[in-house]
Amino acid sequence: MKTLIAMILAVTLLVTLSGVALAAKPDNNCTTIKDGLVDSEGRPLVLGYDQFGYNYQAHMFNGRYCDYDRVEGGASCDVQLIMKWSDTWMSNMDCNGDGKLDRGYACDPVNANSSACEGAWLTNHQRGTDEDGNWTYYVKIVCPSGGVVDEDADGIDDNTGAPIIWGGFIVLQEVWSGEGATNYAQPVGFGAYK
């Protein structure tokens, strides 16, 4: 009986791992970071964290706020920033052959250079210290259903009631906290986005 259970577990594990390996395999026409992609300045992208705090393979940034633009130093270096994003926001591959990480490939495979694609999302989590003490800020930004915001002059998406940012995205959730800060949570929340 123990042998049978061990065999079932082994087969289940093998099938599961095979499924993960198959799901992670990129399209044969795609160039991966490992294959030699570069950033806009021609610097090679690396697997794992780079000098700025980006880990494009994992779809995240973890570093100083001042380095998010891939230029070391500048304003707000005392603020820590963690960003995470969906594959639709920015992929870790180049599948259209333009030499850049794809943005919105699902919406436009030929010109995959815009994150304004339905389902794309980005989160920012900042933390720092000011004269009032420690503070944190969190925001989740998404490209709404249909990839289009419906806006009057008020800057609010009529479909969700969420604030519009960067013309084609909505602020789905926003939270500030800390000494002297007003605790606030965007009332739209995750449930409003479909």
N, C-alpha and C. Protein backbone atom coordinates (compact mmCIF):
# COMPACT_ATOMS: atom_id res chain seq x y z
N MET A 1 0.82 -1.19 0.00
CA MET A 1 0.00 0.00 0.00
C MET A 1 0.86 1.26 0.00
N LYS A 2 1.92 1.26 0.85
CA LYS A 2 2.83 2.42 0.90
C LYS A 2 3.50 2.62 -0.45
N THR A 3 3.85 1.54 -1.13
CA THR A 3 4.48 1.63 -2.44
C THR A 3 3.52 2.25 -3.44
N LEU A 4 2.26 1.86 -3.40
CA LEU A 4 1.26 2.40 -4.31
C LEU A 4 1.08 3.90 -4.08
N ILE A 5 1.01 4.32 -2.83
CA ILE A 5 0.87 5.75 -2.50
C ILE A 5 2.10 6.51 -2.97
N ALA A 6 3.29 5.97 -2.75
CA ALA A 6 4.52 6.62 -3.19
C ALA A 6 4.55 6.76 -4.70
N MET A 7 4.09 5.72 -5.43
CA MET A 7 4.06 5.78 -6.89
C MET A 7 3.07 6.85 -7.37
N ILE A 8 1.91 6.93 -6.73
CA ILE A 8 0.91 7.93 -7.10
C ILE A 8 1.45 9.33 -6.87
N LEU A 9 2.09 9.53 -5.72
CA LEU A 9 2.69 10.84 -5.43
C LEU A 9 3.78 11.19 -6.43
N ALA A 10 4.61 10.21 -6.78
CA ALA A 10 5.69 10.45 -7.74
C ALA A 10 5.14 10.81 -9.11
N VAL A 11 4.11 10.10 -9.56
CA VAL A 11 3.51 10.39 -10.86
C VAL A 11 2.83 11.76 -10.84
N THR A 12 2.13 12.07 -9.74
CA THR A 12 1.48 13.37 -9.61
C THR A 12 2.51 14.49 -9.66
N LEU A 13 3.60 14.33 -8.93
CA LEU A 13 4.67 15.33 -8.93
C LEU A 13 5.27 15.48 -10.32
N LEU A 14 5.52 14.38 -11.00
CA LEU A 14 6.09 14.42 -12.35
C LEU A 14 5.16 15.13 -13.31
N VAL A 15 3.86 14.83 -13.26
CA VAL A 15 2.89 15.48 -14.14
C VAL A 15 2.81 16.97 -13.83
N THR A 16 2.79 17.31 -12.54
CA THR A 16 2.74 18.71 -12.14
C THR A 16 3.97 19.47 -12.63
N LEU A 17 5.15 18.93 -12.39
CA LEU A 17 6.38 19.59 -12.83
C LEU A 17 6.45 19.69 -14.34
N SER A 18 5.99 18.67 -15.05
CA SER A 18 5.98 18.71 -16.51
C SER A 18 5.06 19.81 -16.99
N GLY A 19 3.91 19.97 -16.35
CA GLY A 19 2.98 21.03 -16.72
C GLY A 19 3.58 22.40 -16.49
N VAL A 20 4.30 22.57 -15.38
CA VAL A 20 4.95 23.85 -15.10
C VAL A 20 6.01 24.12 -16.14
N ALA A 21 6.81 23.13 -16.47
CA ALA A 21 7.87 23.33 -17.47
C ALA A 21 7.27 23.67 -18.82
N LEU A 22 6.19 22.99 -19.21
CA LEU A 22 5.57 23.27 -20.50
C LEU A 22 4.94 24.66 -20.50
N ALA A 23 4.31 25.04 -19.40
CA ALA A 23 3.68 26.35 -19.35
C ALA A 23 4.71 27.48 -19.38
N ALA A 24 5.90 27.26 -18.84
CA ALA A 24 6.91 28.30 -18.77
C ALA A 24 7.72 28.42 -20.06
N LYS A 25 7.60 27.47 -20.96
CA LYS A 25 8.40 27.50 -22.19
C LYS A 25 7.93 28.63 -23.09
N PRO A 26 8.83 29.53 -23.48
CA PRO A 26 8.42 30.66 -24.32
C PRO A 26 8.15 30.23 -25.76
N ASP A 27 7.42 31.07 -26.46
CA ASP A 27 7.19 30.89 -27.89
C ASP A 27 8.55 30.81 -28.59
N ASN A 28 8.67 29.95 -29.57
CA ASN A 28 9.95 29.78 -30.27
C ASN A 28 10.42 31.05 -30.96
N ASN A 29 9.51 31.98 -31.24
CA ASN A 29 9.89 33.22 -31.91
C ASN A 29 10.27 34.32 -30.93
N CYS A 30 10.24 34.03 -29.66
CA CYS A 30 10.50 35.05 -28.64
C CYS A 30 11.97 35.03 -28.21
N THR A 31 12.48 36.22 -27.94
CA THR A 31 13.81 36.37 -27.38
C THR A 31 13.65 36.59 -25.89
N THR A 32 14.41 35.87 -25.09
CA THR A 32 14.32 35.99 -23.64
C THR A 32 15.48 36.85 -23.11
N ILE A 33 15.40 37.21 -21.86
CA ILE A 33 16.49 37.97 -21.23
C ILE A 33 17.79 37.18 -21.32
N LYS A 34 17.69 35.88 -21.11
CA LYS A 34 18.88 35.02 -21.17
C LYS A 34 19.51 35.03 -22.57
N ASP A 35 18.66 35.25 -23.60
CA ASP A 35 19.15 35.29 -24.98
C ASP A 35 19.91 36.57 -25.31
N GLY A 36 19.79 37.59 -24.45
CA GLY A 36 20.58 38.79 -24.68
C GLY A 36 19.81 40.06 -24.98
N LEU A 37 18.70 40.32 -24.30
CA LEU A 37 17.98 41.58 -24.48
C LEU A 37 18.71 42.72 -23.77
N VAL A 38 18.50 43.94 -24.25
CA VAL A 38 19.14 45.12 -23.66
C VAL A 38 18.07 46.15 -23.30
N ASP A 39 18.45 47.12 -22.43
CA ASP A 39 17.54 48.20 -22.08
C ASP A 39 17.64 49.32 -23.12
N SER A 40 16.94 50.42 -22.90
CA SER A 40 16.91 51.52 -23.87
C SER A 40 18.27 52.19 -24.05
N GLU A 41 19.18 52.00 -23.10
CA GLU A 41 20.53 52.55 -23.20
C GLU A 41 21.53 51.54 -23.78
N GLY A 42 21.04 50.37 -24.16
CA GLY A 42 21.92 49.35 -24.74
C GLY A 42 22.62 48.47 -23.72
N ARG A 43 22.28 48.62 -22.42
CA ARG A 43 22.89 47.80 -21.38
C ARG A 43 22.17 46.45 -21.33
N PRO A 44 22.90 45.35 -21.21
CA PRO A 44 22.27 44.02 -21.16
C PRO A 44 21.36 43.88 -19.94
N LEU A 45 20.17 43.30 -20.16
CA LEU A 45 19.30 42.94 -19.05
C LEU A 45 19.83 41.64 -18.47
N VAL A 46 19.67 41.49 -17.16
CA VAL A 46 20.21 40.31 -16.48
C VAL A 46 19.09 39.52 -15.83
N LEU A 47 19.33 38.24 -15.62
CA LEU A 47 18.42 37.43 -14.81
C LEU A 47 18.66 37.81 -13.36
N GLY A 48 17.62 37.92 -12.57
CA GLY A 48 17.77 38.36 -11.19
C GLY A 48 17.81 39.88 -11.13
N TYR A 49 18.16 40.41 -9.97
CA TYR A 49 18.16 41.86 -9.77
C TYR A 49 19.36 42.51 -10.43
N ASP A 50 19.11 43.67 -11.06
CA ASP A 50 20.21 44.44 -11.63
C ASP A 50 20.62 45.55 -10.66
N GLN A 51 21.55 46.39 -11.06
CA GLN A 51 22.09 47.43 -10.19
C GLN A 51 21.06 48.47 -9.77
N PHE A 52 19.96 48.58 -10.52
CA PHE A 52 18.94 49.57 -10.21
C PHE A 52 17.87 49.03 -9.28
N GLY A 53 17.66 47.71 -9.28
CA GLY A 53 16.63 47.09 -8.45
C GLY A 53 15.59 46.34 -9.26
N TYR A 54 15.77 46.30 -10.59
CA TYR A 54 14.82 45.58 -11.44
C TYR A 54 15.16 44.09 -11.52
N ASN A 55 14.12 43.28 -11.48
CA ASN A 55 14.20 41.86 -11.79
C ASN A 55 13.11 41.61 -12.83
N TYR A 56 13.48 41.85 -14.09
CA TYR A 56 12.50 41.75 -15.17
C TYR A 56 11.95 40.34 -15.32
N GLN A 57 12.76 39.35 -15.03
CA GLN A 57 12.31 37.97 -15.14
C GLN A 57 11.15 37.71 -14.18
N ALA A 58 11.21 38.29 -12.98
CA ALA A 58 10.18 38.09 -11.96
C ALA A 58 9.09 39.17 -12.00
N HIS A 59 9.16 40.11 -12.94
CA HIS A 59 8.19 41.20 -13.05
C HIS A 59 8.16 42.04 -11.78
N MET A 60 9.34 42.45 -11.32
CA MET A 60 9.33 43.30 -10.13
C MET A 60 10.56 44.21 -10.04
N PHE A 61 10.40 45.24 -9.24
CA PHE A 61 11.46 46.18 -8.89
C PHE A 61 11.46 46.25 -7.38
N ASN A 62 12.65 46.23 -6.77
CA ASN A 62 12.79 46.38 -5.34
C ASN A 62 14.06 47.18 -5.10
N GLY A 63 13.89 48.47 -4.85
CA GLY A 63 15.05 49.33 -4.68
C GLY A 63 14.66 50.72 -4.25
N ARG A 64 15.55 51.67 -4.50
CA ARG A 64 15.30 53.06 -4.14
C ARG A 64 14.39 53.71 -5.19
N TYR A 65 13.50 54.56 -4.74
CA TYR A 65 12.58 55.24 -5.65
C TYR A 65 13.35 55.99 -6.74
N CYS A 66 14.46 56.58 -6.38
CA CYS A 66 15.22 57.39 -7.33
C CYS A 66 15.85 56.57 -8.46
N ASP A 67 15.87 55.26 -8.34
CA ASP A 67 16.51 54.43 -9.37
C ASP A 67 15.51 53.77 -10.31
N TYR A 68 14.20 54.01 -10.13
CA TYR A 68 13.20 53.34 -10.97
C TYR A 68 13.38 53.68 -12.45
N ASP A 69 13.97 54.85 -12.75
CA ASP A 69 14.16 55.28 -14.14
C ASP A 69 15.44 54.73 -14.76
N ARG A 70 16.10 53.81 -14.07
CA ARG A 70 17.34 53.16 -14.52
C ARG A 70 18.51 54.15 -14.63
N VAL A 71 18.42 55.22 -13.82
CA VAL A 71 19.52 56.17 -13.66
C VAL A 71 19.77 56.23 -12.16
N GLU A 72 20.97 55.86 -11.72
CA GLU A 72 21.24 55.83 -10.29
C GLU A 72 21.28 57.23 -9.71
N GLY A 73 20.60 57.39 -8.57
CA GLY A 73 20.61 58.65 -7.85
C GLY A 73 19.51 59.59 -8.31
N GLY A 74 19.44 60.73 -7.63
CA GLY A 74 18.40 61.71 -7.94
C GLY A 74 17.55 61.97 -6.72
N ALA A 75 16.37 62.51 -6.95
CA ALA A 75 15.46 62.84 -5.86
C ALA A 75 14.81 61.58 -5.28
N SER A 76 14.49 61.63 -4.03
CA SER A 76 13.76 60.58 -3.30
C SER A 76 14.53 59.27 -3.16
N CYS A 77 15.83 59.34 -3.01
CA CYS A 77 16.63 58.12 -2.80
C CYS A 77 16.41 57.53 -1.41
N ASP A 78 15.80 58.30 -0.50
CA ASP A 78 15.51 57.79 0.83
C ASP A 78 14.18 57.04 0.90
N VAL A 79 13.49 56.93 -0.22
CA VAL A 79 12.21 56.21 -0.30
C VAL A 79 12.45 54.85 -0.92
N GLN A 80 11.97 53.80 -0.26
CA GLN A 80 12.05 52.44 -0.79
C GLN A 80 10.82 52.17 -1.65
N LEU A 81 11.02 51.51 -2.78
CA LEU A 81 9.93 51.25 -3.71
C LEU A 81 9.94 49.78 -4.12
N ILE A 82 8.78 49.15 -4.05
CA ILE A 82 8.60 47.81 -4.60
C ILE A 82 7.50 47.93 -5.64
N MET A 83 7.81 47.56 -6.87
CA MET A 83 6.82 47.53 -7.94
C MET A 83 6.68 46.09 -8.41
N LYS A 84 5.45 45.72 -8.73
CA LYS A 84 5.18 44.43 -9.36
C LYS A 84 4.23 44.70 -10.52
N TRP A 85 4.34 43.90 -11.57
CA TRP A 85 3.49 44.13 -12.73
C TRP A 85 3.15 42.82 -13.41
N SER A 86 2.08 42.87 -14.18
CA SER A 86 1.63 41.69 -14.93
C SER A 86 2.46 41.54 -16.20
N ASP A 87 2.41 40.35 -16.75
CA ASP A 87 3.10 40.07 -18.01
C ASP A 87 2.54 40.95 -19.13
N THR A 88 1.27 41.29 -19.05
CA THR A 88 0.67 42.16 -20.06
C THR A 88 1.20 43.57 -19.92
N TRP A 89 1.46 44.03 -18.69
CA TRP A 89 2.01 45.37 -18.48
C TRP A 89 3.40 45.44 -19.12
N MET A 90 4.27 44.51 -18.74
CA MET A 90 5.60 44.41 -19.36
C MET A 90 6.07 42.97 -19.23
N SER A 91 6.26 42.35 -20.36
CA SER A 91 6.69 40.96 -20.42
C SER A 91 8.17 40.84 -20.09
N ASN A 92 8.62 39.62 -19.90
CA ASN A 92 10.06 39.39 -19.73
C ASN A 92 10.65 38.79 -21.02
N MET A 93 9.93 39.01 -22.14
CA MET A 93 10.39 38.51 -23.44
C MET A 93 10.12 39.54 -24.53
N ASP A 94 10.79 39.36 -25.65
CA ASP A 94 10.53 40.12 -26.87
C ASP A 94 10.02 39.14 -27.90
N CYS A 95 8.72 39.18 -28.16
CA CYS A 95 8.12 38.24 -29.12
C CYS A 95 7.83 38.89 -30.48
N ASN A 96 7.92 40.21 -30.57
CA ASN A 96 7.67 40.85 -31.86
C ASN A 96 8.95 41.27 -32.58
N GLY A 97 10.09 40.97 -31.98
CA GLY A 97 11.37 41.18 -32.65
C GLY A 97 11.87 42.61 -32.69
N ASP A 98 11.34 43.50 -31.83
CA ASP A 98 11.82 44.89 -31.84
C ASP A 98 12.99 45.12 -30.88
N GLY A 99 13.44 44.05 -30.18
CA GLY A 99 14.58 44.16 -29.29
C GLY A 99 14.25 44.69 -27.90
N LYS A 100 12.97 44.92 -27.61
CA LYS A 100 12.54 45.45 -26.32
C LYS A 100 11.62 44.45 -25.64
N LEU A 101 11.52 44.54 -24.32
CA LEU A 101 10.53 43.74 -23.60
C LEU A 101 9.15 44.18 -24.06
N ASP A 102 8.29 43.22 -24.35
CA ASP A 102 6.96 43.52 -24.88
C ASP A 102 6.06 44.14 -23.82
N ARG A 103 5.26 45.10 -24.25
CA ARG A 103 4.22 45.72 -23.44
C ARG A 103 2.91 45.58 -24.19
N GLY A 104 1.92 44.93 -23.60
CA GLY A 104 0.63 44.79 -24.24
C GLY A 104 0.64 43.91 -25.47
N TYR A 105 1.46 42.88 -25.46
CA TYR A 105 1.57 41.99 -26.62
C TYR A 105 0.23 41.35 -26.99
N ALA A 106 -0.60 41.06 -25.99
CA ALA A 106 -1.89 40.44 -26.25
C ALA A 106 -2.80 41.35 -27.07
N CYS A 107 -2.64 42.66 -26.93
CA CYS A 107 -3.48 43.62 -27.66
C CYS A 107 -2.91 43.98 -29.02
N ASP A 108 -1.60 44.04 -29.12
CA ASP A 108 -0.97 44.42 -30.38
C ASP A 108 0.38 43.73 -30.51
N PRO A 109 0.40 42.50 -31.05
CA PRO A 109 1.64 41.74 -31.16
C PRO A 109 2.70 42.40 -32.05
N VAL A 110 2.28 43.20 -33.03
CA VAL A 110 3.24 43.83 -33.94
C VAL A 110 3.93 45.01 -33.27
N ASN A 111 3.15 45.87 -32.62
CA ASN A 111 3.70 47.05 -31.94
C ASN A 111 3.50 46.91 -30.44
N ALA A 112 4.14 45.92 -29.85
CA ALA A 112 3.95 45.63 -28.42
C ALA A 112 4.76 46.60 -27.57
N ASN A 113 4.31 47.86 -27.56
CA ASN A 113 5.05 48.88 -26.82
C ASN A 113 4.16 49.75 -25.95
N SER A 114 2.94 49.27 -25.64
CA SER A 114 2.04 50.03 -24.77
C SER A 114 1.41 49.10 -23.75
N SER A 115 1.47 49.51 -22.50
CA SER A 115 0.84 48.74 -21.43
C SER A 115 -0.66 48.96 -21.38
N ALA A 116 -1.19 49.84 -22.24
CA ALA A 116 -2.62 50.11 -22.28
C ALA A 116 -3.35 48.96 -22.96
N CYS A 117 -3.38 47.84 -22.29
CA CYS A 117 -3.97 46.62 -22.81
C CYS A 117 -4.81 46.01 -21.69
N GLU A 118 -6.05 45.67 -21.99
CA GLU A 118 -6.94 45.14 -20.97
C GLU A 118 -6.27 44.04 -20.16
N GLY A 119 -6.38 44.17 -18.85
CA GLY A 119 -5.79 43.18 -17.95
C GLY A 119 -4.41 43.54 -17.44
N ALA A 120 -3.80 44.56 -18.02
CA ALA A 120 -2.47 44.98 -17.55
C ALA A 120 -2.62 45.65 -16.18
N TRP A 121 -1.71 45.35 -15.26
CA TRP A 121 -1.73 45.98 -13.94
C TRP A 121 -0.33 46.22 -13.43
N LEU A 122 -0.22 47.19 -12.52
CA LEU A 122 1.03 47.57 -11.87
C LEU A 122 0.72 47.95 -10.44
N THR A 123 1.56 47.51 -9.49
CA THR A 123 1.44 47.98 -8.11
C THR A 123 2.72 48.70 -7.71
N ASN A 124 2.57 49.71 -6.89
CA ASN A 124 3.69 50.43 -6.28
C ASN A 124 3.48 50.42 -4.78
N HIS A 125 4.50 50.05 -4.03
CA HIS A 125 4.46 50.11 -2.57
C HIS A 125 5.69 50.89 -2.14
N GLN A 126 5.46 52.09 -1.60
CA GLN A 126 6.56 52.96 -1.18
C GLN A 126 6.56 53.06 0.34
N ARG A 127 7.76 53.25 0.89
CA ARG A 127 7.85 53.52 2.32
C ARG A 127 9.04 54.44 2.57
N GLY A 128 8.86 55.30 3.54
CA GLY A 128 9.91 56.26 3.84
C GLY A 128 9.68 56.89 5.20
N THR A 129 10.47 57.90 5.47
CA THR A 129 10.39 58.64 6.72
C THR A 129 10.42 60.12 6.39
N ASP A 130 9.59 60.88 7.07
CA ASP A 130 9.64 62.34 6.94
C ASP A 130 9.61 62.96 8.32
N GLU A 131 9.38 64.27 8.41
CA GLU A 131 9.41 64.96 9.70
C GLU A 131 8.35 64.45 10.67
N ASP A 132 7.31 63.79 10.16
CA ASP A 132 6.26 63.24 11.01
C ASP A 132 6.48 61.77 11.39
N GLY A 133 7.51 61.15 10.83
CA GLY A 133 7.78 59.75 11.14
C GLY A 133 7.71 58.86 9.91
N ASN A 134 7.45 57.59 10.13
CA ASN A 134 7.39 56.62 9.04
C ASN A 134 6.06 56.71 8.29
N TRP A 135 6.10 56.45 7.00
CA TRP A 135 4.89 56.46 6.19
C TRP A 135 4.98 55.36 5.12
N THR A 136 3.82 54.95 4.61
CA THR A 136 3.77 54.00 3.49
C THR A 136 2.70 54.48 2.51
N TYR A 137 2.88 54.07 1.29
CA TYR A 137 1.91 54.40 0.23
C TYR A 137 1.83 53.19 -0.68
N TYR A 138 0.60 52.80 -1.03
CA TYR A 138 0.38 51.66 -1.91
C TYR A 138 -0.65 52.06 -2.96
N VAL A 139 -0.41 51.67 -4.21
CA VAL A 139 -1.37 51.94 -5.28
C VAL A 139 -1.37 50.77 -6.26
N LYS A 140 -2.58 50.40 -6.74
CA LYS A 140 -2.71 49.41 -7.80
C LYS A 140 -3.38 50.10 -8.97
N ILE A 141 -2.71 50.04 -10.12
CA ILE A 141 -3.17 50.69 -11.34
C ILE A 141 -3.47 49.60 -12.36
N VAL A 142 -4.60 49.70 -13.05
CA VAL A 142 -4.97 48.70 -14.05
C VAL A 142 -5.44 49.38 -15.32
N CYS A 143 -5.36 48.63 -16.41
CA CYS A 143 -6.00 49.04 -17.65
C CYS A 143 -7.40 48.42 -17.60
N PRO A 144 -8.44 49.24 -17.68
CA PRO A 144 -9.79 48.73 -17.46
C PRO A 144 -10.29 47.80 -18.56
N SER A 145 -11.41 47.15 -18.28
CA SER A 145 -12.04 46.26 -19.24
C SER A 145 -12.25 46.98 -20.56
N GLY A 146 -11.93 46.31 -21.63
CA GLY A 146 -12.03 46.91 -22.95
C GLY A 146 -10.84 47.78 -23.29
N GLY A 147 -9.97 48.03 -22.30
CA GLY A 147 -8.76 48.82 -22.54
C GLY A 147 -9.02 50.30 -22.69
N VAL A 148 -10.23 50.77 -22.37
CA VAL A 148 -10.57 52.18 -22.56
C VAL A 148 -11.25 52.71 -21.31
N VAL A 149 -10.87 53.91 -20.91
CA VAL A 149 -11.57 54.57 -19.81
C VAL A 149 -12.70 55.40 -20.38
N ASP A 150 -13.75 55.56 -19.60
CA ASP A 150 -14.91 56.35 -20.00
C ASP A 150 -14.95 57.55 -19.06
N GLU A 151 -14.55 58.70 -19.59
CA GLU A 151 -14.30 59.84 -18.72
C GLU A 151 -15.12 61.06 -19.13
N ASP A 152 -15.63 61.74 -18.12
CA ASP A 152 -16.15 63.09 -18.31
C ASP A 152 -15.01 64.02 -17.92
N ALA A 153 -15.29 65.25 -17.70
CA ALA A 153 -14.25 66.22 -17.34
C ALA A 153 -13.77 66.06 -15.91
N ASP A 154 -14.38 65.16 -15.14
CA ASP A 154 -14.04 65.04 -13.72
C ASP A 154 -12.84 64.16 -13.42
N GLY A 155 -12.26 63.47 -14.43
CA GLY A 155 -11.11 62.61 -14.20
C GLY A 155 -11.46 61.28 -13.54
N ILE A 156 -12.73 60.91 -13.56
CA ILE A 156 -13.21 59.67 -12.95
C ILE A 156 -13.75 58.77 -14.06
N ASP A 157 -13.38 57.51 -14.02
CA ASP A 157 -13.88 56.54 -14.98
C ASP A 157 -15.34 56.27 -14.68
N ASP A 158 -16.21 56.54 -15.64
CA ASP A 158 -17.65 56.39 -15.42
C ASP A 158 -18.07 54.93 -15.22
N ASN A 159 -17.29 53.99 -15.72
CA ASN A 159 -17.64 52.57 -15.58
C ASN A 159 -17.36 52.02 -14.19
N THR A 160 -16.29 52.50 -13.54
CA THR A 160 -15.89 51.94 -12.25
C THR A 160 -15.95 52.94 -11.10
N GLY A 161 -15.97 54.24 -11.41
CA GLY A 161 -15.91 55.25 -10.37
C GLY A 161 -14.49 55.49 -9.88
N ALA A 162 -13.50 54.92 -10.55
CA ALA A 162 -12.10 55.04 -10.13
C ALA A 162 -11.44 56.26 -10.79
N PRO A 163 -10.48 56.87 -10.09
CA PRO A 163 -9.71 57.96 -10.70
C PRO A 163 -8.91 57.46 -11.91
N ILE A 164 -8.79 58.32 -12.90
CA ILE A 164 -8.02 58.00 -14.11
C ILE A 164 -6.61 58.54 -13.94
N ILE A 165 -5.63 57.74 -14.37
CA ILE A 165 -4.23 58.16 -14.32
C ILE A 165 -3.59 57.84 -15.68
N TRP A 166 -2.70 58.69 -16.12
CA TRP A 166 -1.94 58.51 -17.36
C TRP A 166 -2.84 58.33 -18.58
N GLY A 167 -4.06 58.85 -18.54
CA GLY A 167 -4.94 58.84 -19.70
C GLY A 167 -5.68 57.55 -19.97
N GLY A 168 -5.07 56.40 -19.77
CA GLY A 168 -5.73 55.15 -20.13
C GLY A 168 -5.80 54.12 -19.03
N PHE A 169 -5.52 54.51 -17.80
CA PHE A 169 -5.49 53.58 -16.69
C PHE A 169 -6.35 54.11 -15.55
N ILE A 170 -6.75 53.20 -14.66
CA ILE A 170 -7.49 53.63 -13.48
C ILE A 170 -6.75 53.22 -12.22
N VAL A 171 -6.92 54.02 -11.17
CA VAL A 171 -6.37 53.71 -9.86
C VAL A 171 -7.41 52.85 -9.16
N LEU A 172 -7.10 51.58 -9.07
CA LEU A 172 -8.05 50.63 -8.51
C LEU A 172 -8.06 50.66 -6.99
N GLN A 173 -6.88 50.85 -6.42
CA GLN A 173 -6.77 50.90 -4.96
C GLN A 173 -5.60 51.79 -4.59
N GLU A 174 -5.78 52.58 -3.54
CA GLU A 174 -4.74 53.50 -3.10
C GLU A 174 -4.85 53.64 -1.58
N VAL A 175 -3.73 53.48 -0.88
CA VAL A 175 -3.73 53.54 0.58
C VAL A 175 -2.51 54.32 1.05
N TRP A 176 -2.72 55.30 1.91
CA TRP A 176 -1.64 56.02 2.58
C TRP A 176 -1.72 55.71 4.06
N SER A 177 -0.59 55.65 4.73
CA SER A 177 -0.61 55.51 6.18
C SER A 177 0.65 56.09 6.77
N GLY A 178 0.58 56.44 8.03
CA GLY A 178 1.74 56.97 8.74
C GLY A 178 1.37 58.12 9.63
N GLU A 179 2.34 58.55 10.42
CA GLU A 179 2.16 59.69 11.31
C GLU A 179 1.82 60.92 10.48
N GLY A 180 0.74 61.58 10.82
CA GLY A 180 0.37 62.81 10.13
C GLY A 180 -0.30 62.58 8.79
N ALA A 181 -0.38 61.34 8.32
CA ALA A 181 -1.02 61.05 7.04
C ALA A 181 -2.47 60.68 7.28
N THR A 182 -3.27 60.99 6.32
CA THR A 182 -4.67 60.58 6.38
C THR A 182 -4.76 59.16 5.84
N ASN A 183 -5.26 58.24 6.66
CA ASN A 183 -5.45 56.88 6.17
C ASN A 183 -6.62 56.89 5.20
N TYR A 184 -6.39 56.38 4.04
CA TYR A 184 -7.39 56.45 2.98
C TYR A 184 -7.30 55.21 2.12
N ALA A 185 -8.41 54.63 1.80
CA ALA A 185 -8.45 53.52 0.87
C ALA A 185 -9.42 53.86 -0.25
N GLN A 186 -8.96 53.80 -1.47
CA GLN A 186 -9.83 54.06 -2.61
C GLN A 186 -11.05 53.15 -2.53
N PRO A 187 -12.25 53.68 -2.52
CA PRO A 187 -13.43 52.85 -2.31
C PRO A 187 -13.75 51.89 -3.47
N VAL A 188 -13.14 52.08 -4.61
CA VAL A 188 -13.45 51.23 -5.74
C VAL A 188 -13.03 49.80 -5.42
N GLY A 189 -11.82 49.62 -4.94
CA GLY A 189 -11.33 48.31 -4.52
C GLY A 189 -11.22 47.31 -5.65
N PHE A 190 -10.72 46.12 -5.34
CA PHE A 190 -10.48 45.10 -6.34
C PHE A 190 -11.77 44.56 -6.95
N GLY A 191 -12.88 44.60 -6.21
CA GLY A 191 -14.12 44.03 -6.70
C GLY A 191 -14.76 44.80 -7.85
N ALA A 192 -14.40 46.06 -8.04
CA ALA A 192 -15.02 46.86 -9.09
C ALA A 192 -14.47 46.54 -10.46
N TYR A 193 -13.29 45.99 -10.51
CA TYR A 193 -12.64 45.71 -11.79
C TYR A 193 -13.02 44.32 -12.27
N LYS A 194 -13.50 44.22 -13.48
CA LYS A 194 -13.89 42.92 -14.04
C LYS A 194 -13.03 42.62 -15.25
